[in-house]
C-alpha cells in the first residue's frame, strides 16, 4: 500500500533500510512503539510498530497534506 500511495503522489519510494530508519525515528519521538520479536536462527528478528498516539490524531494528519486529499486511505470511517 505504501508503494502504491508514494507512486500516486509522485513521491520517491523509500528502500527498506530508509523506511526502517524513519519508523525508528517515529518510535524515538513517541509516535510509534516498537516491539522486537526473535523467532530463532531460522526465523530471524523482526519489528512490529504500533501507534502510540490516539488514532484520531493520526487520522487527521493526512488531511493536512494536500497531496493526499484525493487518496482514500481508509481512515474516513475512523474519523466519525
N, C-alpha and C. Protein backbone atom coordinates (compact mmCIF):
# COMPACT_ATOMS: atom_id res chain seq x y z
N UNK A 1 0.83 -1.18 0.00
CA UNK A 1 0.00 0.00 0.00
C UNK A 1 0.88 1.25 0.00
N UNK A 2 1.95 1.21 0.79
CA UNK A 2 2.85 2.37 0.86
C UNK A 2 3.41 2.71 -0.52
N UNK A 3 3.89 1.71 -1.23
CA UNK A 3 4.48 1.95 -2.56
C UNK A 3 3.46 2.52 -3.53
N UNK A 4 2.24 2.01 -3.48
CA UNK A 4 1.17 2.50 -4.36
C UNK A 4 0.88 3.97 -4.10
N UNK A 5 0.74 4.34 -2.83
CA UNK A 5 0.44 5.73 -2.48
C UNK A 5 1.62 6.63 -2.85
N UNK A 6 2.83 6.20 -2.56
CA UNK A 6 4.02 7.02 -2.88
C UNK A 6 4.10 7.30 -4.38
N UNK A 7 3.85 6.29 -5.18
CA UNK A 7 3.89 6.49 -6.64
C UNK A 7 2.77 7.40 -7.10
N UNK A 8 1.60 7.24 -6.50
CA UNK A 8 0.44 8.04 -6.92
C UNK A 8 0.63 9.52 -6.63
N UNK A 9 1.30 9.86 -5.54
CA UNK A 9 1.54 11.27 -5.22
C UNK A 9 2.88 11.74 -5.76
N UNK A 10 3.48 10.90 -6.60
CA UNK A 10 4.75 11.21 -7.25
C UNK A 10 5.86 11.50 -6.25
N UNK A 11 5.93 10.65 -5.24
CA UNK A 11 6.96 10.75 -4.21
C UNK A 11 7.94 9.59 -4.40
N UNK A 12 9.15 9.78 -3.95
CA UNK A 12 10.13 8.70 -4.02
C UNK A 12 9.70 7.56 -3.10
N UNK A 13 9.87 6.34 -3.58
CA UNK A 13 9.60 5.16 -2.75
C UNK A 13 10.89 4.84 -2.00
N UNK A 14 10.80 4.81 -0.69
CA UNK A 14 11.98 4.56 0.12
C UNK A 14 12.36 3.08 0.08
N UNK A 15 13.67 2.82 0.12
CA UNK A 15 14.13 1.44 0.24
C UNK A 15 13.91 0.99 1.68
N UNK A 16 13.94 -0.31 1.90
CA UNK A 16 13.61 -0.88 3.21
C UNK A 16 14.48 -0.28 4.33
N UNK A 17 15.76 -0.09 4.09
CA UNK A 17 16.64 0.44 5.13
C UNK A 17 16.20 1.84 5.55
N UNK A 18 15.90 2.69 4.58
CA UNK A 18 15.48 4.06 4.89
C UNK A 18 14.12 4.07 5.58
N UNK A 19 13.23 3.16 5.18
CA UNK A 19 11.92 3.06 5.83
C UNK A 19 12.09 2.66 7.30
N UNK A 20 12.98 1.71 7.57
CA UNK A 20 13.24 1.32 8.96
C UNK A 20 13.77 2.50 9.77
N UNK A 21 14.65 3.30 9.16
CA UNK A 21 15.17 4.48 9.85
C UNK A 21 14.05 5.44 10.20
N UNK A 22 13.15 5.66 9.26
CA UNK A 22 12.02 6.57 9.53
C UNK A 22 11.12 6.03 10.63
N UNK A 23 10.83 4.73 10.58
CA UNK A 23 10.00 4.12 11.62
C UNK A 23 10.68 4.22 12.98
N UNK A 24 11.99 4.00 13.02
CA UNK A 24 12.72 4.13 14.29
C UNK A 24 12.69 5.57 14.80
N UNK A 25 12.77 6.54 13.90
CA UNK A 25 12.65 7.95 14.30
C UNK A 25 11.29 8.22 14.94
N UNK A 26 10.23 7.66 14.36
CA UNK A 26 8.88 7.85 14.92
C UNK A 26 8.75 7.16 16.28
N UNK A 27 9.46 6.06 16.46
CA UNK A 27 9.49 5.38 17.75
C UNK A 27 10.17 6.27 18.79
N UNK A 28 11.31 6.86 18.43
CA UNK A 28 12.04 7.74 19.34
C UNK A 28 11.20 8.95 19.72
N UNK A 29 10.41 9.45 18.78
CA UNK A 29 9.57 10.63 19.03
C UNK A 29 8.31 10.29 19.83
N UNK A 30 8.04 9.00 20.03
CA UNK A 30 6.87 8.60 20.81
C UNK A 30 5.59 8.50 20.00
N UNK A 31 5.70 8.57 18.68
CA UNK A 31 4.51 8.46 17.82
C UNK A 31 4.17 6.99 17.58
N UNK A 32 5.20 6.15 17.48
CA UNK A 32 5.04 4.71 17.33
C UNK A 32 5.72 4.02 18.50
N UNK A 33 5.31 2.78 18.76
CA UNK A 33 6.04 1.95 19.71
C UNK A 33 6.50 0.70 18.97
N UNK A 34 7.74 0.31 19.24
CA UNK A 34 8.34 -0.81 18.52
C UNK A 34 8.48 -2.01 19.44
N UNK A 35 8.08 -3.17 18.94
CA UNK A 35 8.27 -4.43 19.64
C UNK A 35 9.19 -5.28 18.79
N UNK A 36 10.21 -5.86 19.42
CA UNK A 36 11.17 -6.71 18.72
C UNK A 36 10.82 -8.16 19.01
N UNK A 37 10.75 -8.96 17.95
CA UNK A 37 10.49 -10.39 18.10
C UNK A 37 11.63 -11.16 17.46
N UNK A 38 12.05 -12.20 18.13
CA UNK A 38 13.11 -13.04 17.60
C UNK A 38 12.56 -14.46 17.52
N UNK A 39 12.49 -14.99 16.30
CA UNK A 39 11.91 -16.33 16.11
C UNK A 39 13.01 -17.37 15.91
N UNK A 40 14.17 -17.12 16.43
CA UNK A 40 15.26 -18.09 16.34
C UNK A 40 16.17 -17.83 15.15
N UNK A 41 17.12 -18.71 14.99
CA UNK A 41 18.13 -18.52 13.95
C UNK A 41 17.55 -18.61 12.54
N UNK A 42 16.56 -19.44 12.34
CA UNK A 42 15.97 -19.58 11.01
C UNK A 42 14.93 -18.49 10.71
N UNK A 43 14.20 -18.09 11.72
CA UNK A 43 13.14 -17.10 11.51
C UNK A 43 13.65 -15.67 11.52
N UNK A 44 14.72 -15.45 12.25
CA UNK A 44 15.30 -14.12 12.30
C UNK A 44 14.56 -13.20 13.25
N UNK A 45 14.97 -11.96 13.21
CA UNK A 45 14.41 -10.93 14.08
C UNK A 45 13.52 -10.02 13.24
N UNK A 46 12.37 -9.63 13.79
CA UNK A 46 11.52 -8.67 13.10
C UNK A 46 10.93 -7.69 14.09
N UNK A 47 10.49 -6.57 13.56
CA UNK A 47 9.96 -5.49 14.38
C UNK A 47 8.49 -5.28 14.04
N UNK A 48 7.73 -4.96 15.06
CA UNK A 48 6.32 -4.62 14.88
C UNK A 48 6.12 -3.23 15.44
N UNK A 49 5.51 -2.36 14.63
CA UNK A 49 5.28 -0.98 15.04
C UNK A 49 3.79 -0.75 15.21
N UNK A 50 3.43 -0.05 16.29
CA UNK A 50 2.04 0.31 16.55
C UNK A 50 1.99 1.78 16.94
N UNK A 51 0.85 2.41 16.69
CA UNK A 51 0.67 3.80 17.08
C UNK A 51 0.72 3.96 18.59
N UNK A 52 1.41 4.99 19.03
CA UNK A 52 1.43 5.33 20.46
C UNK A 52 0.56 6.55 20.74
N UNK A 53 0.02 7.14 19.68
CA UNK A 53 -0.86 8.29 19.82
C UNK A 53 -2.28 7.86 19.47
N UNK A 54 -3.24 8.70 19.80
CA UNK A 54 -4.64 8.38 19.50
C UNK A 54 -4.85 8.29 17.99
N UNK A 55 -5.67 7.34 17.58
CA UNK A 55 -5.96 7.14 16.16
C UNK A 55 -6.55 8.40 15.55
N UNK A 56 -7.37 9.12 16.31
CA UNK A 56 -8.00 10.34 15.80
C UNK A 56 -6.95 11.38 15.41
N UNK A 57 -5.90 11.47 16.18
CA UNK A 57 -4.82 12.42 15.87
C UNK A 57 -4.10 11.98 14.60
N UNK A 58 -3.75 10.71 14.52
CA UNK A 58 -3.04 10.19 13.34
C UNK A 58 -3.91 10.29 12.10
N UNK A 59 -5.22 10.08 12.23
CA UNK A 59 -6.12 10.13 11.08
C UNK A 59 -6.27 11.54 10.55
N UNK A 60 -6.09 12.55 11.38
CA UNK A 60 -6.21 13.93 10.93
C UNK A 60 -4.96 14.45 10.24
N UNK A 61 -3.84 13.84 10.45
CA UNK A 61 -2.58 14.29 9.84
C UNK A 61 -2.65 14.25 8.32
N UNK A 62 -3.11 13.14 7.69
CA UNK A 62 -3.14 13.12 6.22
C UNK A 62 -4.03 14.20 5.61
N UNK A 63 -5.07 14.64 6.29
CA UNK A 63 -5.94 15.67 5.72
C UNK A 63 -5.24 17.02 5.64
N UNK A 64 -4.15 17.18 6.39
CA UNK A 64 -3.37 18.42 6.33
C UNK A 64 -2.35 18.41 5.19
N UNK A 65 -2.18 17.28 4.54
CA UNK A 65 -1.21 17.16 3.45
C UNK A 65 -2.00 17.14 2.15
N UNK A 66 -1.94 18.22 1.39
CA UNK A 66 -2.80 18.36 0.21
C UNK A 66 -2.55 17.29 -0.84
N UNK A 67 -1.33 16.75 -0.94
CA UNK A 67 -1.08 15.69 -1.92
C UNK A 67 -1.89 14.43 -1.63
N UNK A 68 -2.35 14.27 -0.40
CA UNK A 68 -3.08 13.07 -0.02
C UNK A 68 -4.59 13.23 -0.06
N UNK A 69 -5.08 14.42 -0.39
CA UNK A 69 -6.52 14.67 -0.34
C UNK A 69 -7.33 13.76 -1.24
N UNK A 70 -6.82 13.41 -2.42
CA UNK A 70 -7.57 12.59 -3.37
C UNK A 70 -7.39 11.09 -3.16
N UNK A 71 -6.63 10.69 -2.16
CA UNK A 71 -6.36 9.28 -1.94
C UNK A 71 -7.18 8.79 -0.76
N UNK A 72 -7.90 7.69 -0.98
CA UNK A 72 -8.68 7.09 0.10
C UNK A 72 -7.74 6.22 0.93
N UNK A 73 -7.41 6.68 2.12
CA UNK A 73 -6.51 5.94 3.00
C UNK A 73 -7.27 4.98 3.91
N UNK A 74 -8.58 4.92 3.75
CA UNK A 74 -9.39 4.05 4.58
C UNK A 74 -9.53 4.56 6.00
N UNK A 75 -9.31 5.85 6.20
CA UNK A 75 -9.39 6.43 7.54
C UNK A 75 -10.68 7.16 7.81
N UNK A 76 -11.49 7.38 6.77
CA UNK A 76 -12.70 8.18 6.95
C UNK A 76 -13.66 7.57 7.94
N UNK A 77 -13.77 6.24 7.98
CA UNK A 77 -14.69 5.62 8.93
C UNK A 77 -14.18 5.73 10.35
N UNK A 78 -12.86 5.92 10.55
CA UNK A 78 -12.31 6.07 11.89
C UNK A 78 -12.51 7.47 12.42
N UNK A 79 -12.71 8.44 11.54
CA UNK A 79 -12.89 9.83 11.97
C UNK A 79 -14.27 10.08 12.53
N UNK A 80 -15.25 9.32 12.10
CA UNK A 80 -16.65 9.54 12.53
C UNK A 80 -16.92 8.97 13.88
